[in-house]
Amino acid sequence: MLFDAFISHASEDKNDFVRALAERLRKEHIEVWYDEFSLRLGDSLRRSIDRGLAQSRFGIVVLSKNFFDKAWPQWELDGLVARDIEHRGTILPIWHGVDRRDVLAFSPSLADKLAASSAEGLEEVVRKLCEAIRPQGSTLVVARDHLIEMGYRPPVVTDDWWLDVAAAAESNAMEGNWQEPMGWGRWGFPLPESSSEPAERGFRLAWAAAQMGWQRVANLTPITQITPPEDVHRFIEETPGLEAMCHVHPRYLIAYAPQLAIPSFGGQFEPEIQRLYEDSLARGLESRRRKDRYGSALTDDGLPPRCDDEYVFRDQEFGRYSPSHIACGFVQGNYVSNGPPVRFYEDPEYIAWLLSSRSEFLPQPVRMVLTAGMAAWGVWPWNEWELNRLEEDFGYVRSEFDGQLERELGDTESADAFCASADARADAVHRMGFSAELLGLPESGEALAERLLSPEFLGPFFADRARKRR
């Protein structure tokens, strides 16, 4: 869970009570979530409560005349008490501008639930909530209980597994500075803030444990930029805690899975991604109107980009970024010096996938710009010294032709003049064959090598190299 508590409330009560309550709880270092739980006529109370409890330790429900004016069906009101029993006392009611008689008139079951009252004053309400939300206890027991609530079955607290969790919960070397996203690892997200208080330490330990688990799955499966979107969504939905984390940090999500930024590929995250894109587009268009210089070197028209890098696939003009810049961001992330680490394969694997029918789930314009961008980027030709990681991580078997294609490309000025030797072709077939086997592509190494060596692919490579040399 990402929050200590969510606050379910009538939208009319936000300004006169709920906002002040949330701000005061935050001063007590209690993470609260309340903007999305502003209830309006027609909302489902039980669905709202269930959604909140999936991502919060406690649910604070502000019972007021405005709340009851929503005319909840009786089964919805009774459901609050049922949820409280089911979740072992995690629903904390507050009476705001009402007394027991008022609550009794609307829901006898709610009237019997011990509640704080805003009539006692904000400070007293906060004190009572803090007592319920922050009980003192063992850090490991707190962490274990959080993991159980998420849906995990952690071992007993004496198991050595907890030593690995404690190590994962240690502050990464970059936490707290501008490069923090780089320190969490692939499919890593910011952990709750470090603390010496057992309840808060346990909260961080629990999330570190959950993250350790889904990062292992993401590497073994693997879940990468080239994974079909339905498989990415299945991974997120079937992994306890990850869905909530992705909702809170959608920019991290689309760094690890940029394919979800493509319109209609975002699934449950579609509204959040669209909102982020629209905000970014508005800033970009204003910057273009002013003809700012920032980012203008990255575009094809000398003006600032239409949007931030991570939303290029959502923009009908790809943000006006160059294809090579788009491909670079897709493979290694858009913020190499301070962004989340996203690369899983080497460049030729991404090229083999783009040249294969496996990438046909991409819209044709996206596939075309990525393929041209990978060619133009120009960093993909491999040599015998750059194969070490491939050999160590993926079991690459070297051949006597390794690097021959790179040498011949370096000695040729244009796609028209290029004619690969038998050794260079053997190098391409071997490398593409390895990529096909590693990625499970249906094509042979020979078929992919033929596409790699075609003028259609090599044309952007030579053209961009010539441009850089001018």
Protein backbone atom coordinates (compact mmCIF):
# COMPACT_ATOMS: atom_id res chain seq x y z
CA MET A 1 0.00 0.00 0.00
CA LEU A 2 1.21 3.46 -0.83
CA PHE A 3 -0.58 5.54 1.78
CA ASP A 4 -1.28 5.42 5.49
CA ALA A 5 -4.88 6.42 4.89
CA PHE A 6 -7.34 7.63 2.31
CA ILE A 7 -10.13 10.06 3.20
CA SER A 8 -13.54 9.28 1.75
CA HIS A 9 -15.69 12.39 1.92
CA ALA A 10 -18.46 14.37 0.31
CA SER A 11 -17.02 16.86 -2.16
CA GLU A 12 -18.87 19.68 -0.36
CA ASP A 13 -16.83 19.04 2.81
CA LYS A 14 -13.42 19.40 1.20
CA ASN A 15 -12.91 23.13 1.70
CA ASP A 16 -14.27 23.52 5.22
CA PHE A 17 -12.75 20.42 6.83
CA VAL A 18 -11.16 17.67 4.73
CA ARG A 19 -8.34 19.67 3.16
CA ALA A 20 -7.27 21.02 6.57
CA LEU A 21 -7.45 17.52 8.03
CA ALA A 22 -5.28 16.10 5.26
CA GLU A 23 -2.68 18.85 5.60
CA ARG A 24 -2.55 18.43 9.37
CA LEU A 25 -2.10 14.65 9.06
CA ARG A 26 0.74 15.18 6.60
CA LYS A 27 2.47 17.37 9.16
CA GLU A 28 2.35 14.28 11.39
CA HIS A 29 4.12 12.35 8.60
CA ILE A 30 0.99 10.40 7.74
CA GLU A 31 0.65 9.93 4.00
CA VAL A 32 -2.95 10.65 3.03
CA TRP A 33 -4.76 10.29 -0.27
CA TYR A 34 -7.99 12.20 -0.64
CA ASP A 35 -8.41 13.97 -3.98
CA GLU A 36 -9.74 10.86 -5.73
CA PHE A 37 -12.15 10.06 -2.91
CA SER A 38 -14.26 13.21 -3.20
CA LEU A 39 -17.65 11.54 -3.57
CA ARG A 40 -20.40 12.88 -5.76
CA LEU A 41 -23.95 11.84 -6.43
CA GLY A 42 -24.06 8.54 -8.28
CA ASP A 43 -20.65 7.29 -7.07
CA SER A 44 -20.46 3.82 -5.54
CA LEU A 45 -19.46 4.11 -1.90
CA ARG A 46 -18.38 0.49 -1.55
CA ARG A 47 -16.29 0.54 -4.72
CA SER A 48 -14.60 3.72 -3.52
CA ILE A 49 -13.84 2.14 -0.13
CA ASP A 50 -12.51 -1.06 -1.72
CA ARG A 51 -10.27 0.88 -4.08
CA GLY A 52 -8.93 2.97 -1.23
CA LEU A 53 -8.23 -0.02 1.01
CA ALA A 54 -6.31 -1.67 -1.83
CA GLN A 55 -3.77 1.15 -1.66
CA SER A 56 -4.00 2.44 1.92
CA ARG A 57 -3.62 1.01 5.40
CA PHE A 58 -6.69 2.80 6.74
CA GLY A 59 -9.83 4.39 5.38
CA ILE A 60 -11.01 7.61 7.02
CA VAL A 61 -14.70 8.22 6.25
CA VAL A 62 -16.06 11.69 6.98
CA LEU A 63 -19.75 11.26 7.90
CA SER A 64 -21.65 14.52 7.49
CA LYS A 65 -25.01 15.83 6.33
CA ASN A 66 -23.47 16.32 2.90
CA PHE A 67 -22.28 12.71 2.96
CA PHE A 68 -25.71 11.36 3.85
CA ASP A 69 -27.38 13.68 1.32
CA LYS A 70 -25.87 11.42 -1.34
CA ALA A 71 -28.75 9.08 -0.49
CA TRP A 72 -26.65 5.93 -0.30
CA PRO A 73 -28.68 2.71 -0.46
CA GLN A 74 -28.81 0.97 2.92
CA TRP A 75 -26.68 -1.90 1.66
CA GLU A 76 -23.92 0.57 0.81
CA LEU A 77 -23.95 2.02 4.33
CA ASP A 78 -24.05 -1.42 5.94
CA GLY A 79 -21.19 -2.35 3.66
CA LEU A 80 -18.95 0.16 5.44
CA VAL A 81 -19.26 -1.81 8.65
CA ALA A 82 -18.80 -5.09 6.79
CA ARG A 83 -15.60 -3.75 5.26
CA ASP A 84 -14.41 -2.67 8.69
CA ILE A 85 -14.89 -6.18 10.07
CA GLU A 86 -13.32 -7.76 7.00
CA HIS A 87 -10.26 -5.51 7.16
CA ARG A 88 -9.82 -5.75 10.93
CA GLY A 89 -10.75 -2.26 12.07
CA THR A 90 -9.16 -0.26 9.29
CA ILE A 91 -12.11 2.07 8.67
CA LEU A 92 -11.98 5.17 10.87
CA PRO A 93 -15.19 7.28 10.86
CA ILE A 94 -15.29 10.98 11.70
CA TRP A 95 -18.54 12.74 12.52
CA HIS A 96 -18.51 16.19 10.96
CA GLY A 97 -21.39 18.48 11.88
CA VAL A 98 -23.52 15.51 12.96
CA ASP A 99 -24.05 13.64 16.23
CA ARG A 100 -25.01 10.09 17.11
CA ARG A 101 -28.73 10.76 16.57
CA ASP A 102 -28.04 12.02 13.05
CA VAL A 103 -25.93 9.01 12.20
CA LEU A 104 -28.44 6.65 13.81
CA ALA A 105 -31.20 8.04 11.59
CA PHE A 106 -29.26 7.18 8.49
CA SER A 107 -27.46 3.98 9.50
CA PRO A 108 -27.80 2.25 12.87
CA SER A 109 -24.81 0.06 12.11
CA LEU A 110 -22.60 3.10 11.58
CA ALA A 111 -23.86 4.77 14.75
CA ASP A 112 -22.43 1.92 16.85
CA LYS A 113 -18.95 2.39 15.42
CA LEU A 114 -16.60 4.37 17.67
CA ALA A 115 -15.86 7.67 15.92
CA ALA A 116 -13.97 10.92 16.34
CA SER A 117 -15.97 14.14 16.02
CA SER A 118 -14.93 17.39 14.39
CA ALA A 119 -16.78 19.13 17.23
CA GLU A 120 -13.84 18.12 19.45
CA GLY A 121 -11.55 20.25 17.31
CA LEU A 122 -9.13 19.38 14.53
CA GLU A 123 -6.20 18.68 16.86
CA GLU A 124 -8.17 16.11 18.87
CA VAL A 125 -9.37 14.40 15.71
CA VAL A 126 -5.78 14.22 14.42
CA ARG A 127 -4.55 12.87 17.77
CA LYS A 128 -7.08 10.04 17.73
CA LEU A 129 -6.33 9.20 14.12
CA CYS A 130 -2.59 9.11 14.83
CA GLU A 131 -3.14 6.68 17.69
CA ALA A 132 -5.00 4.34 15.38
CA ILE A 133 -2.76 4.71 12.33
CA ARG A 134 0.65 4.71 14.03
CA PRO A 135 0.66 2.08 16.78
CA GLN A 136 4.07 1.18 18.13
CA GLY A 137 5.34 -2.32 17.26
CA SER A 138 8.11 -4.42 15.74
CA THR A 139 9.36 -3.12 12.42
CA LEU A 140 9.43 -6.61 10.89
CA VAL A 141 5.97 -7.46 12.17
CA VAL A 142 4.65 -4.22 10.69
CA ALA A 143 6.34 -5.04 7.37
CA ARG A 144 5.02 -8.60 7.40
CA ASP A 145 1.46 -7.41 8.07
CA HIS A 146 1.66 -4.92 5.20
CA LEU A 147 2.85 -7.64 2.83
CA ILE A 148 0.02 -9.95 3.92
CA GLU A 149 -2.49 -7.16 3.26
CA MET A 150 -1.02 -6.70 -0.21
CA GLY A 151 -1.55 -10.39 -0.97
CA TYR A 152 1.93 -11.80 -0.36
CA ARG A 153 2.79 -14.70 1.93
CA PRO A 154 6.10 -13.62 3.49
CA PRO A 155 8.13 -16.00 5.65
CA VAL A 156 8.35 -15.65 9.42
CA VAL A 157 10.33 -12.64 10.58
CA THR A 158 13.24 -14.85 11.69
CA ASP A 159 13.85 -16.08 8.14
CA ASP A 160 17.06 -14.87 6.43
CA TRP A 161 14.90 -13.60 3.55
CA TRP A 162 14.27 -10.53 5.67
CA LEU A 163 18.00 -9.73 5.54
CA ASP A 164 17.70 -9.37 1.76
CA VAL A 165 14.63 -7.20 2.27
CA ALA A 166 16.51 -5.00 4.73
CA ALA A 167 19.30 -4.59 2.19
CA ALA A 168 16.78 -3.69 -0.53
CA ALA A 169 15.23 -1.11 1.78
CA GLU A 170 18.53 0.66 2.35
CA SER A 171 18.69 4.10 0.77
CA ASN A 172 20.16 3.89 -2.72
CA ALA A 173 23.24 6.00 -3.29
CA MET A 174 21.25 8.53 -5.31
CA GLU A 175 18.14 8.80 -3.15
CA GLY A 176 17.29 12.38 -2.36
CA ASN A 177 19.23 13.97 -5.23
CA TRP A 178 18.41 14.78 -8.85
CA GLN A 179 19.61 11.34 -10.03
CA GLU A 180 17.42 9.37 -7.62
CA PRO A 181 15.40 7.58 -10.36
CA MET A 182 18.60 5.90 -11.57
CA GLY A 183 19.14 4.19 -8.23
CA TRP A 184 16.02 2.04 -7.93
CA GLY A 185 16.90 -0.40 -10.70
CA ARG A 186 14.79 -1.53 -13.65
CA TRP A 187 11.09 -1.62 -12.76
CA GLY A 188 11.97 0.14 -9.53
CA PHE A 189 9.91 2.95 -7.99
CA PRO A 190 10.62 5.38 -5.13
CA LEU A 191 10.21 3.76 -1.74
CA PRO A 192 8.41 5.48 1.15
CA GLU A 193 10.60 7.90 3.04
CA SER A 194 13.20 6.47 5.43
CA SER A 195 12.40 6.73 9.12
CA SER A 196 13.54 5.45 12.51
CA GLU A 197 9.96 4.91 13.68
CA PRO A 198 9.02 1.19 13.63
CA ALA A 199 5.69 1.67 11.84
CA GLU A 200 7.26 3.79 9.09
CA ARG A 201 10.35 1.61 8.81
CA GLY A 202 8.11 -1.43 8.45
CA PHE A 203 6.11 0.33 5.75
CA ARG A 204 9.28 0.96 3.74
CA LEU A 205 10.50 -2.61 4.31
CA ALA A 206 7.22 -3.99 2.98
CA TRP A 207 7.42 -1.97 -0.21
CA ALA A 208 11.09 -2.87 -0.65
CA ALA A 209 10.15 -6.55 -0.35
CA ALA A 210 7.32 -6.22 -2.87
CA GLN A 211 9.56 -4.32 -5.27
CA MET A 212 12.32 -6.89 -4.92
CA GLY A 213 9.82 -9.53 -5.97
CA TRP A 214 8.39 -7.81 -9.03
CA GLN A 215 11.83 -6.73 -10.23
CA ARG A 216 12.91 -10.37 -10.19
CA VAL A 217 9.84 -11.37 -12.22
CA ALA A 218 10.39 -8.48 -14.67
CA ASN A 219 13.93 -9.71 -15.30
CA LEU A 220 13.10 -13.40 -15.56
CA THR A 221 10.02 -13.08 -17.79
CA PRO A 222 11.29 -10.55 -19.05
CA ILE A 223 9.04 -7.48 -19.20
CA THR A 224 10.64 -4.89 -21.49
CA GLN A 225 9.91 -2.23 -24.10
CA ILE A 226 9.18 -4.98 -26.67
CA THR A 227 6.66 -6.91 -24.56
CA PRO A 228 3.13 -6.82 -26.03
CA PRO A 229 0.98 -4.39 -24.01
CA GLU A 230 -1.50 -7.06 -22.92
CA ASP A 231 1.36 -9.01 -21.33
CA VAL A 232 2.63 -5.89 -19.57
CA HIS A 233 -0.85 -5.23 -18.15
CA ARG A 234 -1.17 -8.86 -17.04
CA PHE A 235 2.16 -8.61 -15.22
CA ILE A 236 1.06 -5.42 -13.46
CA GLU A 237 -2.39 -6.68 -12.52
CA GLU A 238 -1.20 -10.05 -11.24
CA THR A 239 1.64 -8.62 -9.14
CA PRO A 240 0.47 -7.44 -5.70
CA GLY A 241 1.31 -3.80 -5.06
CA LEU A 242 2.63 -3.03 -8.52
CA GLU A 243 -0.66 -1.76 -9.94
CA ALA A 244 -0.98 0.82 -7.18
CA MET A 245 2.64 1.89 -7.55
CA CYS A 246 2.18 2.42 -11.30
CA HIS A 247 -0.85 4.63 -10.68
CA VAL A 248 1.12 6.80 -8.29
CA HIS A 249 4.21 6.96 -10.55
CA PRO A 250 2.91 6.77 -14.15
CA ARG A 251 6.05 8.41 -15.56
CA TYR A 252 8.16 5.58 -14.19
CA LEU A 253 5.69 3.13 -15.74
CA ILE A 254 6.00 4.56 -19.24
CA ALA A 255 9.78 4.70 -18.87
CA TYR A 256 9.85 0.93 -18.33
CA ALA A 257 7.04 0.21 -20.79
CA PRO A 258 7.00 3.05 -23.37
CA GLN A 259 4.64 1.03 -25.55
CA LEU A 260 1.88 1.88 -23.06
CA ALA A 261 2.15 5.54 -24.09
CA ILE A 262 0.76 4.61 -27.51
CA PRO A 263 -2.93 5.65 -27.68
CA SER A 264 -5.27 2.82 -26.57
CA PHE A 265 -2.34 0.75 -25.27
CA GLY A 266 -2.46 2.30 -21.78
CA GLY A 267 -5.30 0.16 -20.43
CA GLN A 268 -6.32 1.26 -16.94
CA PHE A 269 -3.58 3.91 -17.03
CA GLU A 270 -4.94 5.54 -20.18
CA PRO A 271 -6.56 8.53 -18.42
CA GLU A 272 -3.43 9.32 -16.40
CA ILE A 273 -1.12 9.04 -19.40
CA GLN A 274 -3.45 11.18 -21.52
CA ARG A 275 -3.64 13.86 -18.82
CA LEU A 276 0.16 13.94 -18.50
CA TYR A 277 0.49 14.17 -22.29
CA GLU A 278 -2.04 17.00 -22.56
CA ASP A 279 -0.25 18.96 -19.83
CA SER A 280 3.07 18.39 -21.57
CA LEU A 281 1.62 19.33 -24.97
CA ALA A 282 0.23 22.59 -23.60
CA ARG A 283 3.65 23.54 -22.24
CA GLY A 284 5.35 22.51 -25.46
CA LEU A 285 3.04 24.46 -27.73
CA GLU A 286 3.48 27.56 -25.60
CA SER A 287 7.25 27.14 -25.76
CA ARG A 288 7.04 26.78 -29.54
CA ARG A 289 4.87 29.87 -29.75
CA ARG A 290 7.57 31.83 -27.91
CA LYS A 291 10.24 30.20 -30.10
CA ASP A 292 12.30 29.22 -27.08
CA ARG A 293 15.66 27.61 -27.75
CA TYR A 294 15.44 24.86 -25.12
CA GLY A 295 15.22 21.46 -26.82
CA SER A 296 15.30 22.92 -30.32
CA ALA A 297 18.39 20.87 -31.25
CA LEU A 298 16.37 17.68 -30.80
CA THR A 299 13.64 18.47 -33.32
CA ASP A 300 13.38 18.46 -37.10
CA ASP A 301 12.12 22.05 -37.38
CA GLY A 302 14.47 23.97 -35.08
CA LEU A 303 11.69 24.76 -32.59
CA PRO A 304 11.19 23.30 -29.11
CA PRO A 305 9.53 19.86 -28.95
CA ARG A 306 5.75 19.68 -28.92
CA CYS A 307 5.84 17.54 -25.75
CA ASP A 308 8.22 15.79 -23.39
CA ASP A 309 10.12 12.80 -24.71
CA GLU A 310 8.09 10.11 -22.95
CA TYR A 311 4.88 11.08 -24.73
CA VAL A 312 6.19 11.00 -28.32
CA PHE A 313 4.10 7.96 -29.24
CA ARG A 314 0.94 9.73 -28.09
CA ASP A 315 1.63 12.80 -30.21
CA GLN A 316 0.44 12.78 -33.81
CA GLU A 317 3.68 14.47 -34.88
CA PHE A 318 5.95 12.48 -32.53
CA GLY A 319 6.72 15.72 -30.73
CA ARG A 320 8.70 16.78 -33.86
CA TYR A 321 11.68 14.87 -32.42
CA SER A 322 14.14 13.28 -34.82
CA PRO A 323 13.66 9.51 -35.35
CA SER A 324 17.09 8.77 -33.87
CA HIS A 325 16.19 10.66 -30.69
CA ILE A 326 12.93 8.73 -30.42
CA ALA A 327 14.70 5.38 -30.88
CA CYS A 328 17.38 6.31 -28.36
CA GLY A 329 14.74 7.14 -25.75
CA PHE A 330 12.85 3.92 -26.46
CA VAL A 331 15.92 1.73 -25.91
CA GLN A 332 17.79 3.40 -23.08
CA GLY A 333 15.27 5.80 -21.58
CA ASN A 334 14.67 9.45 -22.21
CA TYR A 335 16.73 10.74 -19.29
CA VAL A 336 19.98 8.79 -19.38
CA SER A 337 21.74 11.02 -16.84
CA ASN A 338 18.95 11.05 -14.28
CA GLY A 339 16.12 8.76 -15.34
CA PRO A 340 15.08 5.20 -14.49
CA PRO A 341 17.27 2.45 -16.03
CA VAL A 342 15.22 0.81 -18.77
CA ARG A 343 17.55 -0.99 -21.21
CA PHE A 344 17.39 -4.80 -21.12
CA TYR A 345 18.86 -5.95 -24.45
CA GLU A 346 21.63 -4.68 -26.69
CA ASP A 347 20.80 -2.50 -29.72
CA PRO A 348 20.84 -5.31 -32.35
CA GLU A 349 18.17 -7.21 -30.40
CA TYR A 350 15.81 -4.24 -30.61
CA ILE A 351 16.57 -3.96 -34.33
CA ALA A 352 15.93 -7.67 -34.92
CA TRP A 353 12.58 -7.31 -33.15
CA LEU A 354 11.62 -4.25 -35.21
CA LEU A 355 12.51 -6.10 -38.42
CA SER A 356 10.49 -9.13 -37.30
CA SER A 357 6.76 -9.70 -37.55
CA ARG A 358 6.76 -9.83 -33.73
CA SER A 359 6.70 -6.02 -33.64
CA GLU A 360 3.60 -5.78 -35.83
CA PHE A 361 1.42 -5.03 -32.81
CA LEU A 362 2.87 -1.52 -33.02
CA PRO A 363 0.94 0.96 -35.15
CA GLN A 364 2.71 1.22 -38.51
CA PRO A 365 3.85 4.85 -38.06
CA VAL A 366 5.41 4.00 -34.67
CA ARG A 367 7.15 0.93 -36.07
CA MET A 368 8.47 2.89 -39.03
CA VAL A 369 9.85 5.78 -36.97
CA LEU A 370 11.52 3.40 -34.52
CA THR A 371 13.09 1.32 -37.27
CA ALA A 372 14.39 4.37 -39.13
CA GLY A 373 15.50 5.87 -35.82
CA MET A 374 17.46 2.78 -34.79
CA ALA A 375 19.22 2.78 -38.15
CA ALA A 376 19.99 6.51 -38.02
CA TRP A 377 21.09 6.45 -34.38
CA GLY A 378 24.13 4.62 -35.67
CA VAL A 379 25.33 2.99 -32.46
CA TRP A 380 24.10 -0.49 -33.31
CA PRO A 381 26.98 -1.97 -35.37
CA TRP A 382 28.69 -4.43 -33.06
CA ASN A 383 32.34 -5.35 -32.72
CA GLU A 384 34.17 -8.15 -30.94
CA TRP A 385 34.91 -5.98 -27.88
CA GLU A 386 31.31 -4.94 -27.32
CA LEU A 387 29.97 -8.48 -27.08
CA ASN A 388 31.16 -9.12 -23.52
CA ARG A 389 27.83 -8.26 -21.84
CA LEU A 390 25.92 -10.29 -24.40
CA GLU A 391 28.22 -13.23 -23.73
CA GLU A 392 27.98 -12.93 -19.95
CA ASP A 393 24.26 -12.16 -19.60
CA PHE A 394 22.67 -14.05 -22.49
CA GLY A 395 25.12 -16.80 -23.46
CA TYR A 396 26.23 -15.39 -26.79
CA VAL A 397 28.61 -17.71 -28.65
CA ARG A 398 31.28 -15.83 -30.56
CA SER A 399 32.09 -16.42 -34.21
CA GLU A 400 35.16 -15.74 -36.26
CA PHE A 401 33.24 -13.04 -38.15
CA ASP A 402 32.30 -10.86 -35.16
CA GLY A 403 32.78 -7.19 -36.03
CA GLN A 404 33.31 -7.67 -39.76
CA LEU A 405 30.07 -5.88 -40.67
CA GLU A 406 31.00 -2.88 -38.53
CA ARG A 407 34.40 -2.60 -40.21
CA GLU A 408 32.90 -2.65 -43.70
CA LEU A 409 30.21 -0.14 -42.80
CA GLY A 410 32.92 2.17 -41.48
CA ASP A 411 34.82 1.93 -44.77
CA THR A 412 31.78 2.76 -46.94
CA GLU A 413 30.36 6.23 -47.64
CA SER A 414 26.78 5.48 -48.73
CA ALA A 415 24.09 2.82 -48.89
CA ASP A 416 24.41 2.71 -52.68
CA ALA A 417 28.11 1.97 -52.43
CA PHE A 418 27.79 -0.65 -49.74
CA CYS A 419 28.15 -4.29 -50.73
CA ALA A 420 28.64 -6.65 -47.83
CA SER A 421 31.29 -9.32 -48.22
CA ALA A 422 30.58 -12.95 -47.47
CA ASP A 423 32.24 -12.52 -44.06
CA ALA A 424 30.13 -9.45 -43.23
CA ARG A 425 26.99 -11.31 -44.22
CA ALA A 426 28.03 -14.26 -42.08
CA ASP A 427 28.53 -11.84 -39.19
CA ALA A 428 25.03 -10.39 -39.71
CA VAL A 429 23.42 -13.83 -40.03
CA HIS A 430 25.12 -15.06 -36.86
CA ARG A 431 24.19 -11.99 -34.83
CA MET A 432 20.60 -11.82 -36.09
CA GLY A 433 20.24 -15.57 -35.59
CA PHE A 434 21.27 -15.21 -31.98
CA SER A 435 18.79 -12.34 -31.51
CA ALA A 436 15.99 -14.38 -33.09
CA GLU A 437 16.66 -17.29 -30.74
CA LEU A 438 16.97 -15.07 -27.67
CA LEU A 439 13.73 -13.19 -28.41
CA GLY A 440 11.78 -16.14 -29.78
CA LEU A 441 11.30 -14.50 -33.19
CA PRO A 442 9.76 -16.60 -35.98
CA GLU A 443 12.28 -15.47 -38.63
CA SER A 444 15.65 -17.06 -39.29
CA GLY A 445 18.96 -15.28 -38.91
CA GLU A 446 19.27 -15.25 -42.70
CA ALA A 447 15.90 -13.54 -43.18
CA LEU A 448 16.60 -10.87 -40.55
CA ALA A 449 20.12 -10.29 -41.87
CA GLU A 450 18.68 -9.71 -45.34
CA ARG A 451 16.41 -6.98 -43.93
CA LEU A 452 19.25 -5.50 -41.88
CA LEU A 453 21.51 -5.21 -44.93
CA SER A 454 18.80 -3.79 -47.20
CA PRO A 455 19.07 -0.23 -48.56
CA GLU A 456 15.76 0.55 -46.80
CA PHE A 457 17.39 -0.02 -43.40
CA LEU A 458 20.92 1.14 -44.13
CA GLY A 459 19.80 4.30 -45.95
CA PRO A 460 19.00 6.26 -42.73
CA PHE A 461 22.24 4.94 -41.15
CA PHE A 462 24.45 6.39 -43.90
CA ALA A 463 22.38 9.56 -44.30
CA ASP A 464 22.59 10.46 -40.62
CA ARG A 465 26.28 9.65 -40.48
CA ALA A 466 26.91 11.92 -43.45
CA ARG A 467 24.92 14.69 -41.80
CA LYS A 468 26.99 14.42 -38.61
CA ARG A 469 30.24 14.59 -40.59
CA ARG A 470 29.28 17.79 -42.38
